[in-house]
Amino acid sequence: MSKFVSKYAEIEANQFLKRGECPLGVRTKEDGTHYVVTAQGQEVVVHEGEWIAIEDPPGDGTRAYPIAPDVFEKRWGSCQYTDDLMSASRYVAVQCLAPFRADDQALLNATKMIYNLVIAQLTEPVKK
């Protein structure tokens, strides 16, 4: 499951494509219809191409909701994967703190700080 960030929220989502495995949260009825169960307990049919986002809590894939491809693209399509951002933030923190022989906690704090600064820049509305 990939993580995406927008100025609205951070979500974990996978696109539902009928070929291959179903994303976490997608269930299949006996007639072949694919659906998700929302946090409110509603069964919502999902269609090929929709993105399936896991609801937190519980975050274990038992509750999800579909997002239309055009809505996903507008809100999250141009955003970076948070895993990649965290890796890049850690790299920067390690490079900056290496001369100081920082301990693990200082490195973790610096990584989080850099990550949050990057997220703030990515999610800030573009000024014209």
Protein backbone atom coordinates (compact mmCIF):
# COMPACT_ATOMS: atom_id res chain seq x y z
CA MET A 1 0.00 0.00 0.00
CA SER A 2 1.41 3.37 -1.00
CA LYS A 3 1.04 6.57 1.01
CA PHE A 4 0.06 9.85 -0.60
CA VAL A 5 -0.06 13.35 0.88
CA SER A 6 -2.13 16.35 -0.13
CA LYS A 7 -3.06 19.57 1.62
CA TYR A 8 -6.23 17.73 2.65
CA ALA A 9 -4.92 14.53 4.20
CA GLU A 10 -2.37 11.76 4.12
CA ILE A 11 -3.88 8.50 2.90
CA GLU A 12 -2.86 4.98 2.03
CA ALA A 13 -4.35 3.94 -1.30
CA ASN A 14 -3.99 1.53 -4.19
CA GLN A 15 -5.71 1.66 -7.54
CA PHE A 16 -8.27 -1.06 -8.22
CA LEU A 17 -7.52 -2.82 -11.48
CA LYS A 18 -9.48 -5.98 -12.25
CA ARG A 19 -6.40 -7.84 -13.37
CA GLY A 20 -4.29 -9.33 -10.60
CA GLU A 21 -4.89 -9.05 -6.86
CA CYS A 22 -7.50 -6.79 -5.32
CA PRO A 23 -6.16 -3.95 -3.17
CA LEU A 24 -6.46 -4.15 0.60
CA GLY A 25 -10.07 -3.49 1.60
CA VAL A 26 -11.70 -4.74 -1.61
CA ARG A 27 -14.01 -7.72 -1.22
CA THR A 28 -15.74 -9.85 -3.85
CA LYS A 29 -19.31 -11.11 -3.79
CA GLU A 30 -20.32 -14.49 -5.20
CA ASP A 31 -21.61 -12.79 -8.37
CA GLY A 32 -18.14 -11.24 -8.95
CA THR A 33 -19.09 -7.72 -7.85
CA HIS A 34 -16.26 -5.94 -6.04
CA TYR A 35 -17.02 -3.71 -3.04
CA VAL A 36 -15.62 -2.10 0.08
CA VAL A 37 -17.13 -1.67 3.52
CA THR A 38 -16.95 1.91 4.82
CA ALA A 39 -16.42 3.02 8.43
CA GLN A 40 -20.20 3.44 8.60
CA GLY A 41 -20.66 -0.22 7.63
CA GLN A 42 -22.01 0.51 4.16
CA GLU A 43 -21.11 -1.73 1.23
CA VAL A 44 -19.99 0.45 -1.70
CA VAL A 45 -19.42 -1.09 -5.14
CA VAL A 46 -16.02 -0.26 -6.61
CA HIS A 47 -15.22 0.11 -10.29
CA GLU A 48 -12.05 -0.50 -12.23
CA GLY A 49 -9.72 2.49 -12.06
CA GLU A 50 -10.95 3.80 -8.71
CA TRP A 51 -8.49 4.28 -5.88
CA ILE A 52 -9.16 2.41 -2.64
CA ALA A 53 -8.21 4.32 0.51
CA ILE A 54 -8.01 2.60 3.88
CA GLU A 55 -9.84 4.38 6.70
CA ASP A 56 -8.10 4.92 10.03
CA PRO A 57 -8.90 3.64 12.51
CA PRO A 58 -8.68 0.70 12.38
CA GLY A 59 -6.30 0.88 9.40
CA ASP A 60 -6.23 -2.88 9.01
CA GLY A 61 -8.09 -2.95 5.70
CA THR A 62 -11.48 -3.80 7.16
CA ARG A 63 -12.82 -0.32 6.35
CA ALA A 64 -12.13 1.51 3.09
CA TYR A 65 -13.65 3.91 0.61
CA PRO A 66 -13.31 4.36 -3.16
CA ILE A 67 -12.04 7.56 -4.74
CA ALA A 68 -12.86 8.37 -8.37
CA PRO A 69 -9.73 8.62 -10.54
CA ASP A 70 -10.31 12.29 -11.43
CA VAL A 71 -10.81 13.27 -7.78
CA PHE A 72 -7.70 11.33 -6.78
CA GLU A 73 -5.65 13.01 -9.49
CA LYS A 74 -6.77 16.48 -8.37
CA ARG A 75 -6.00 15.91 -4.70
CA TRP A 76 -3.15 13.40 -4.61
CA GLY A 77 -2.00 12.68 -8.16
CA SER A 78 0.92 15.10 -8.20
CA CYS A 79 2.05 14.34 -4.65
CA GLN A 80 5.10 12.31 -3.78
CA TYR A 81 5.03 9.01 -1.94
CA THR A 82 5.63 9.71 1.72
CA ASP A 83 7.98 6.70 1.92
CA ASP A 84 10.24 8.37 -0.67
CA LEU A 85 10.06 11.68 1.16
CA MET A 86 10.95 10.07 4.46
CA SER A 87 13.92 8.30 2.85
CA ALA A 88 15.11 11.56 1.30
CA SER A 89 14.63 13.39 4.61
CA ARG A 90 16.67 10.74 6.44
CA TYR A 91 19.43 11.00 3.85
CA VAL A 92 19.62 14.79 4.32
CA ALA A 93 19.58 14.41 8.11
CA VAL A 94 22.38 11.83 8.02
CA GLN A 95 24.50 14.03 5.73
CA CYS A 96 23.98 17.10 7.92
CA LEU A 97 24.53 15.40 11.26
CA ALA A 98 27.38 13.05 10.31
CA PRO A 99 30.13 15.49 11.36
CA PHE A 100 28.52 15.83 14.79
CA ARG A 101 28.23 12.08 15.43
CA ALA A 102 24.56 12.50 16.36
CA ASP A 103 22.80 9.77 18.27
CA ASP A 104 19.77 7.90 16.90
CA GLN A 105 17.24 10.16 18.65
CA ALA A 106 18.80 13.33 17.24
CA LEU A 107 18.84 11.75 13.80
CA LEU A 108 15.18 10.75 14.11
CA ASN A 109 14.21 14.26 15.28
CA ALA A 110 16.09 15.87 12.40
CA THR A 111 14.51 13.45 9.90
CA LYS A 112 11.00 14.30 11.13
CA MET A 113 11.75 18.03 11.03
CA ILE A 114 13.04 17.88 7.46
CA TYR A 115 10.12 15.67 6.40
CA ASN A 116 7.58 18.10 7.88
CA LEU A 117 9.26 21.06 6.17
CA VAL A 118 9.14 19.25 2.82
CA ILE A 119 5.49 18.27 3.30
CA ALA A 120 4.62 21.87 4.19
CA GLN A 121 6.24 23.06 0.96
CA LEU A 122 4.52 20.40 -1.16
CA THR A 123 1.09 21.07 0.27
CA GLU A 124 1.27 24.87 0.30
CA PRO A 125 -0.96 26.40 -2.39
CA VAL A 126 0.96 27.74 -5.37
CA LYS A 127 1.14 31.54 -5.27
CA LYS A 128 0.62 33.31 -8.58
